[in-house]
Amino acid sequence: MKGRLRTVGVKTVVRLMLWAVGIAVVVGFINYHYTLSGIKQQYAENFHLRMLINYEYTRRVLSDVYVQVTNNVYYIESTLDKPEGHMAAMERIVRNGNRVHSCGMNFVRNYYPQKGERYCPFAWRNPENREEILTEEKGNQDFNYLNSLWFRSVVEGDTCLWSDPFYDGYDNTTALAAYMVPIHDAQGTPVAVLGADVSLDWLTSKLAETDSAYNVQSPRAVQLMGLKSQSYIINYDGKFITHPEAEKRLEGMFFNHVLGDRMGVKTQLERRIKAGLQSSNETEESYKFNGERCYFFYTPLKYTGWIMVTVVPCQTIDMLAVMYVLKQTAFMLLGMLLLVAVVFIYLKYRFRF
């Protein structure tokens, strides 16, 4: 009798194990097939949020520059009759603005005859000692700005704007962008352009820091396959405003690195970016970026004419999603095996086989 019970118990356990394995395989396949795309979408939303965090950080940096400039407009306009105080105002803007690289004020032709045809008080941080603020009167000697497009746009348009990126006139290597506002006389006529510069090299390094922090969160993709997400700021035409490779900054074109899988896909991407639109449902369309299949996450930076783009290799999101689904399936299989073990122990002690 005991032998028969032992045989029945063993057969029962074997059947339970086979059923458990079969159910685990079927459920695992269904779970993998039907939930993988949803999990990928969740990870894509996570990268979208990371892109927006980068956006908010960059916006705050640009906002700091904006605040430093606008907070000094009233004082400067009320003291236009005292040009000897302008240099101190430029120095104050640079000193108080942690993100301000340099600051200058460019006056219209012969506004101060005693200063010459062109007059521009200018202050900048000493690159070797950021606590030291250097000053200089620029204009007549080496800085003919009167016919420059940026100067005429602000004065003639009586408007505030961000400049196109340019290189620092002192070292010709530091990439800068300036926020510019018109300065008005007592009659409300624009008579000068006040501009504060932010370093795009510094902004590039900060984006690289946040990218590194995010890439650490997907170490398998980075270590095993060398897959890394990368954030850029480009203008609406696709020119790189920031890039980890200095030679591509202000020179390289983002769209030159992009290939679409279907006819017209790249053109549609260019149109969306030039229209200043934000990306959505990013995993529905992939592109080849430098030969690597990637998803693009992008959003416009308000008031700048720039776009922030985060490029994420498709395999990074695929790997994260697959690992998540496999982990869930493994937990389910483990649960099945534990159930079989419990039943086996119960039968063993119940029937003493």
Protein backbone atom coordinates (compact mmCIF):
# COMPACT_ATOMS: atom_id res chain seq x y z
CA MET A 1 0.00 0.00 0.00
CA LYS A 2 2.79 2.39 0.92
CA GLY A 3 4.56 1.60 -2.34
CA ARG A 4 1.44 2.44 -4.29
CA LEU A 5 1.05 5.73 -2.40
CA ARG A 6 4.68 6.55 -3.04
CA THR A 7 4.19 5.90 -6.75
CA VAL A 8 1.04 8.02 -6.82
CA GLY A 9 2.80 10.81 -4.94
CA VAL A 10 5.78 10.81 -7.27
CA LYS A 11 3.55 10.82 -10.33
CA THR A 12 1.52 13.67 -8.86
CA VAL A 13 4.62 15.73 -8.20
CA VAL A 14 5.99 15.06 -11.68
CA ARG A 15 2.68 16.03 -13.24
CA LEU A 16 2.52 19.18 -11.15
CA MET A 17 6.05 20.10 -12.20
CA LEU A 18 5.26 19.51 -15.86
CA TRP A 19 2.07 21.54 -15.58
CA ALA A 20 3.92 24.29 -13.74
CA VAL A 21 6.65 24.43 -16.39
CA GLY A 22 4.09 24.35 -19.19
CA ILE A 23 1.99 27.08 -17.63
CA ALA A 24 5.09 29.16 -16.93
CA VAL A 25 6.25 28.84 -20.55
CA VAL A 26 2.83 29.73 -21.98
CA VAL A 27 2.21 32.60 -19.58
CA GLY A 28 5.78 33.80 -20.01
CA PHE A 29 5.40 33.84 -23.79
CA ILE A 30 2.09 35.70 -23.56
CA ASN A 31 3.55 38.11 -21.02
CA TYR A 32 6.61 38.73 -23.18
CA HIS A 33 4.65 39.13 -26.41
CA TYR A 34 1.88 41.38 -25.16
CA THR A 35 3.62 43.44 -22.49
CA LEU A 36 7.02 44.09 -24.09
CA SER A 37 5.78 46.98 -26.24
CA GLY A 38 4.05 48.52 -23.23
CA ILE A 39 7.18 48.22 -21.11
CA LYS A 40 9.23 49.78 -23.92
CA GLN A 41 6.80 52.67 -23.99
CA GLN A 42 7.19 53.13 -20.23
CA TYR A 43 10.97 53.28 -20.54
CA ALA A 44 10.58 55.70 -23.45
CA GLU A 45 8.44 57.92 -21.22
CA ASN A 46 11.21 57.73 -18.64
CA PHE A 47 13.74 59.01 -21.19
CA HIS A 48 11.26 61.70 -22.22
CA LEU A 49 11.12 62.86 -18.60
CA ARG A 50 14.91 62.86 -18.42
CA MET A 51 15.00 65.05 -21.50
CA LEU A 52 12.53 67.45 -19.86
CA ILE A 53 14.71 67.55 -16.72
CA ASN A 54 17.66 68.56 -18.89
CA TYR A 55 15.41 71.12 -20.53
CA GLU A 56 14.38 72.62 -17.20
CA TYR A 57 17.98 72.83 -16.04
CA THR A 58 19.05 74.55 -19.27
CA ARG A 59 16.07 76.87 -19.12
CA ARG A 60 17.04 77.92 -15.59
CA VAL A 61 20.58 78.69 -16.74
CA LEU A 62 19.29 80.83 -19.59
CA SER A 63 16.75 82.40 -17.25
CA ASP A 64 19.56 83.40 -14.85
CA VAL A 65 21.20 85.32 -17.69
CA TYR A 66 17.87 86.89 -18.64
CA VAL A 67 17.23 88.00 -15.05
CA GLN A 68 20.68 89.55 -14.62
CA VAL A 69 20.21 91.60 -17.78
CA THR A 70 16.63 92.75 -17.26
CA ASN A 71 17.21 93.63 -13.59
CA ASN A 72 19.76 96.25 -14.66
CA VAL A 73 17.88 97.83 -17.55
CA TYR A 74 16.03 100.42 -15.47
CA TYR A 75 19.19 101.52 -13.65
CA ILE A 76 21.14 101.89 -16.89
CA GLU A 77 18.35 103.79 -18.65
CA SER A 78 18.02 106.17 -15.70
CA THR A 79 21.77 106.90 -15.67
CA LEU A 80 22.46 107.35 -19.38
CA ASP A 81 23.71 110.84 -18.58
CA LYS A 82 26.49 109.30 -16.49
CA PRO A 83 28.52 107.09 -18.85
CA GLU A 84 31.29 106.80 -16.28
CA GLY A 85 29.05 104.40 -14.33
CA HIS A 86 28.38 101.99 -17.20
CA MET A 87 31.50 99.91 -16.66
CA ALA A 88 30.55 99.26 -13.04
CA ALA A 89 27.12 98.07 -14.21
CA MET A 90 28.72 95.62 -16.66
CA GLU A 91 31.01 94.33 -13.94
CA ARG A 92 28.08 93.92 -11.55
CA ILE A 93 26.08 91.87 -14.06
CA VAL A 94 28.99 89.48 -14.59
CA ARG A 95 29.79 89.21 -10.89
CA ASN A 96 26.21 88.57 -9.80
CA GLY A 97 25.39 86.20 -12.63
CA ASN A 98 27.01 82.85 -11.89
CA ARG A 99 26.26 81.70 -15.43
CA VAL A 100 27.27 84.96 -17.12
CA HIS A 101 30.57 84.69 -18.98
CA SER A 102 30.76 88.33 -20.12
CA CYS A 103 28.62 91.41 -20.59
CA GLY A 104 28.73 94.46 -22.84
CA MET A 105 26.65 97.42 -23.93
CA ASN A 106 26.87 98.65 -27.53
CA PHE A 107 25.69 102.19 -28.23
CA VAL A 108 24.44 103.66 -31.48
CA ARG A 109 26.79 105.77 -33.54
CA ASN A 110 28.21 108.83 -31.73
CA TYR A 111 25.83 108.59 -28.78
CA TYR A 112 28.65 109.84 -26.59
CA PRO A 113 30.78 111.99 -28.94
CA GLN A 114 33.56 112.15 -26.36
CA LYS A 115 33.79 108.34 -26.46
CA GLY A 116 34.12 108.14 -30.22
CA GLU A 117 31.91 106.82 -33.00
CA ARG A 118 31.45 103.45 -31.33
CA TYR A 119 31.29 102.92 -27.59
CA CYS A 120 31.03 99.60 -25.78
CA PRO A 121 31.82 99.15 -22.07
CA PHE A 122 32.63 95.47 -21.61
CA ALA A 123 33.34 93.14 -18.67
CA TRP A 124 34.29 89.46 -18.56
CA ARG A 125 35.51 86.80 -16.18
CA ASN A 126 39.20 86.09 -16.09
CA PRO A 127 39.43 82.50 -17.43
CA GLU A 128 42.33 81.83 -15.06
CA ASN A 129 40.53 83.24 -12.01
CA ARG A 130 36.75 83.30 -12.20
CA GLU A 131 36.51 85.57 -9.18
CA GLU A 132 38.33 88.34 -11.05
CA ILE A 133 36.26 90.52 -13.39
CA LEU A 134 38.19 92.27 -16.17
CA THR A 135 36.90 95.38 -17.94
CA GLU A 136 37.62 97.25 -21.15
CA GLU A 137 36.12 99.96 -23.34
CA LYS A 138 35.67 98.42 -26.77
CA GLY A 139 34.50 100.02 -29.96
CA ASN A 140 36.59 102.41 -31.98
CA GLN A 141 39.71 100.26 -32.03
CA ASP A 142 38.65 96.73 -32.84
CA PHE A 143 34.90 96.20 -32.60
CA ASN A 144 32.80 97.51 -35.47
CA TYR A 145 29.34 96.32 -34.51
CA LEU A 146 27.17 99.07 -35.99
CA ASN A 147 26.25 97.15 -39.15
CA SER A 148 26.07 93.74 -37.50
CA LEU A 149 22.77 91.95 -37.98
CA TRP A 150 22.30 91.25 -34.27
CA PHE A 151 22.80 94.93 -33.37
CA ARG A 152 20.44 96.21 -36.04
CA SER A 153 17.83 93.56 -35.22
CA VAL A 154 17.62 94.65 -31.57
CA VAL A 155 17.81 98.41 -32.18
CA GLU A 156 15.63 98.65 -35.28
CA GLY A 157 13.19 96.00 -34.08
CA ASP A 158 13.20 97.34 -30.50
CA THR A 159 13.08 93.76 -29.29
CA CYS A 160 14.84 91.31 -26.99
CA LEU A 161 16.40 88.17 -28.42
CA TRP A 162 19.02 85.47 -28.06
CA SER A 163 21.89 85.78 -30.49
CA ASP A 164 23.16 83.13 -32.81
CA PRO A 165 26.14 81.36 -31.21
CA PHE A 166 29.55 82.92 -31.78
CA TYR A 167 33.14 82.54 -30.61
CA ASP A 168 34.65 84.67 -27.88
CA GLY A 169 36.59 87.49 -29.51
CA TYR A 170 39.45 87.08 -27.04
CA ASP A 171 40.38 83.43 -27.47
CA ASN A 172 38.36 82.57 -30.61
CA THR A 173 37.64 79.13 -29.14
CA THR A 174 35.03 79.61 -26.40
CA ALA A 175 31.54 79.27 -27.87
CA LEU A 176 29.05 81.83 -26.53
CA ALA A 177 25.46 82.95 -26.95
CA ALA A 178 24.13 86.31 -25.79
CA TYR A 179 20.81 87.49 -24.44
CA MET A 180 20.28 91.03 -25.74
CA VAL A 181 17.85 93.79 -24.79
CA PRO A 182 17.45 97.35 -26.12
CA ILE A 183 18.33 100.30 -23.89
CA HIS A 184 16.07 103.36 -24.35
CA ASP A 185 16.64 107.05 -23.78
CA ALA A 186 14.13 109.33 -22.07
CA GLN A 187 12.09 109.56 -25.29
CA GLY A 188 11.82 105.77 -25.57
CA THR A 189 14.21 105.52 -28.50
CA PRO A 190 16.56 102.50 -28.54
CA VAL A 191 20.10 103.84 -28.15
CA ALA A 192 22.08 100.76 -27.14
CA VAL A 193 22.07 96.98 -26.92
CA LEU A 194 22.81 95.40 -23.55
CA GLY A 195 23.96 91.80 -23.88
CA ALA A 196 25.14 89.09 -21.49
CA ASP A 197 26.94 85.99 -22.74
CA VAL A 198 26.63 82.40 -21.54
CA SER A 199 29.33 79.84 -22.30
CA LEU A 200 28.12 77.02 -24.53
CA ASP A 201 31.21 75.01 -23.57
CA TRP A 202 30.06 75.10 -19.97
CA LEU A 203 26.51 74.21 -21.01
CA THR A 204 27.86 71.28 -23.02
CA SER A 205 29.73 69.97 -19.98
CA LYS A 206 26.62 70.20 -17.80
CA LEU A 207 24.57 68.22 -20.32
CA ALA A 208 27.35 65.63 -20.41
CA GLU A 209 27.18 65.34 -16.61
CA THR A 210 23.45 64.68 -16.60
CA ASP A 211 23.78 62.21 -19.49
CA SER A 212 26.46 60.33 -17.54
CA ALA A 213 24.23 60.19 -14.47
CA TYR A 214 21.38 58.73 -16.53
CA ASN A 215 23.63 56.24 -18.36
CA VAL A 216 24.80 54.88 -15.01
CA GLN A 217 21.20 53.76 -14.43
CA SER A 218 21.43 51.36 -17.41
CA PRO A 219 24.92 49.89 -16.79
CA ARG A 220 24.38 46.69 -18.82
CA ALA A 221 23.68 48.66 -21.98
CA VAL A 222 26.75 50.82 -21.37
CA GLN A 223 29.19 48.13 -20.24
CA LEU A 224 28.18 45.21 -22.46
CA MET A 225 27.24 47.01 -25.66
CA GLY A 226 28.70 50.50 -25.32
CA LEU A 227 25.25 52.08 -25.73
CA LYS A 228 24.88 55.60 -24.34
CA SER A 229 22.24 58.27 -24.60
CA GLN A 230 23.51 61.70 -25.62
CA SER A 231 21.89 65.13 -25.37
CA TYR A 232 22.48 68.02 -27.75
CA ILE A 233 21.18 71.52 -28.26
CA ILE A 234 20.71 72.45 -31.91
CA ASN A 235 19.14 75.40 -33.67
CA TYR A 236 16.08 75.04 -35.88
CA ASP A 237 18.29 74.51 -38.93
CA GLY A 238 20.07 71.62 -37.22
CA LYS A 239 23.40 73.26 -36.38
CA PHE A 240 24.95 71.97 -33.17
CA ILE A 241 24.88 74.55 -30.37
CA THR A 242 26.37 72.04 -27.94
CA HIS A 243 28.35 68.92 -28.77
CA PRO A 244 30.89 66.89 -26.76
CA GLU A 245 33.30 67.20 -29.70
CA ALA A 246 34.42 70.84 -29.79
CA GLU A 247 35.11 70.84 -33.53
CA LYS A 248 31.45 70.07 -34.27
CA ARG A 249 30.13 72.84 -32.04
CA LEU A 250 28.70 75.66 -34.17
CA GLU A 251 30.00 73.86 -37.26
CA GLY A 252 28.42 70.40 -37.53
CA MET A 253 24.85 69.73 -38.64
CA PHE A 254 22.66 67.34 -36.67
CA PHE A 255 20.64 66.28 -39.71
CA ASN A 256 23.80 65.21 -41.56
CA HIS A 257 24.11 62.38 -39.03
CA VAL A 258 20.51 61.20 -39.45
CA LEU A 259 19.04 58.61 -41.81
CA GLY A 260 15.40 57.53 -41.91
CA ASP A 261 14.16 54.00 -42.54
CA ARG A 262 11.47 55.14 -44.94
CA MET A 263 11.19 57.71 -47.67
CA GLY A 264 10.37 61.14 -46.28
CA VAL A 265 10.86 60.26 -42.60
CA LYS A 266 13.95 62.44 -42.22
CA THR A 267 12.19 65.31 -43.99
CA GLN A 268 9.26 65.05 -41.59
CA LEU A 269 11.67 65.13 -38.65
CA GLU A 270 13.34 68.28 -39.99
CA ARG A 271 9.97 69.96 -40.47
CA ARG A 272 8.87 69.14 -36.93
CA ILE A 273 12.10 70.44 -35.42
CA LYS A 274 12.08 73.60 -37.55
CA ALA A 275 8.48 74.18 -36.47
CA GLY A 276 9.58 74.04 -32.82
CA LEU A 277 7.44 71.01 -31.95
CA GLN A 278 7.98 68.60 -29.07
CA SER A 279 8.40 64.87 -29.68
CA SER A 280 5.79 62.31 -28.61
CA ASN A 281 5.35 58.54 -28.97
CA GLU A 282 9.06 58.38 -29.72
CA THR A 283 9.27 54.59 -30.06
CA GLU A 284 6.92 54.63 -33.06
CA GLU A 285 9.71 55.89 -35.32
CA SER A 286 13.43 55.16 -35.17
CA TYR A 287 16.30 56.73 -37.07
CA LYS A 288 19.90 55.88 -37.75
CA PHE A 289 22.19 58.33 -35.99
CA ASN A 290 25.85 57.83 -36.86
CA GLY A 291 24.90 54.35 -38.05
CA GLU A 292 23.19 53.37 -34.78
CA ARG A 293 19.43 52.87 -34.70
CA CYS A 294 18.06 55.39 -32.21
CA TYR A 295 14.98 57.11 -30.87
CA PHE A 296 14.89 60.93 -30.72
CA PHE A 297 13.43 62.88 -27.81
CA TYR A 298 13.26 66.62 -28.43
CA THR A 299 11.67 69.81 -27.16
CA PRO A 300 12.09 73.50 -28.04
CA LEU A 301 13.85 75.88 -25.66
CA LYS A 302 11.50 78.83 -25.29
CA TYR A 303 12.52 82.21 -26.71
CA THR A 304 15.85 80.94 -28.07
CA GLY A 305 15.21 79.33 -31.45
CA TRP A 306 16.98 76.22 -30.12
CA ILE A 307 15.91 72.61 -29.72
CA MET A 308 17.11 70.13 -27.09
CA VAL A 309 17.51 66.62 -28.52
CA THR A 310 18.29 63.47 -26.55
CA VAL A 311 19.42 60.57 -28.75
CA VAL A 312 18.81 57.14 -27.20
CA PRO A 313 19.94 53.90 -28.91
CA CYS A 314 16.96 51.64 -29.57
CA GLN A 315 18.86 48.71 -28.10
CA THR A 316 19.12 50.53 -24.78
CA ILE A 317 15.35 50.71 -24.40
CA ASP A 318 14.91 47.22 -25.89
CA MET A 319 17.42 45.76 -23.42
CA LEU A 320 15.83 47.50 -20.44
CA ALA A 321 12.38 46.29 -21.47
CA VAL A 322 13.50 42.70 -22.16
CA MET A 323 15.37 42.51 -18.86
CA TYR A 324 12.28 43.74 -17.03
CA VAL A 325 9.97 41.20 -18.71
CA LEU A 326 12.44 38.34 -18.20
CA LYS A 327 12.78 39.29 -14.56
CA GLN A 328 9.00 39.21 -14.14
CA THR A 329 8.84 35.84 -15.91
CA ALA A 330 11.62 34.46 -13.70
CA PHE A 331 9.74 35.52 -10.58
CA MET A 332 6.61 33.83 -11.91
CA LEU A 333 8.51 30.61 -12.66
CA LEU A 334 10.08 30.71 -9.22
CA GLY A 335 6.61 31.06 -7.73
CA MET A 336 5.45 28.00 -9.67
CA LEU A 337 8.42 25.96 -8.44
CA LEU A 338 7.79 27.03 -4.87
CA LEU A 339 4.16 25.95 -5.26
CA VAL A 340 5.29 22.53 -6.51
CA ALA A 341 7.71 22.25 -3.59
CA VAL A 342 4.94 23.06 -1.11
CA VAL A 343 2.64 20.46 -2.68
CA PHE A 344 5.44 17.89 -2.66
CA ILE A 345 6.17 18.49 1.02
CA TYR A 346 2.48 18.30 1.82
CA LEU A 347 2.04 15.00 -0.02
CA LYS A 348 5.18 13.58 1.53
CA TYR A 349 4.03 14.22 5.06
CA ARG A 350 0.37 13.49 4.32
CA PHE A 351 0.91 10.08 2.78
CA ARG A 352 4.31 9.30 4.34
CA PHE A 353 5.99 8.33 1.07
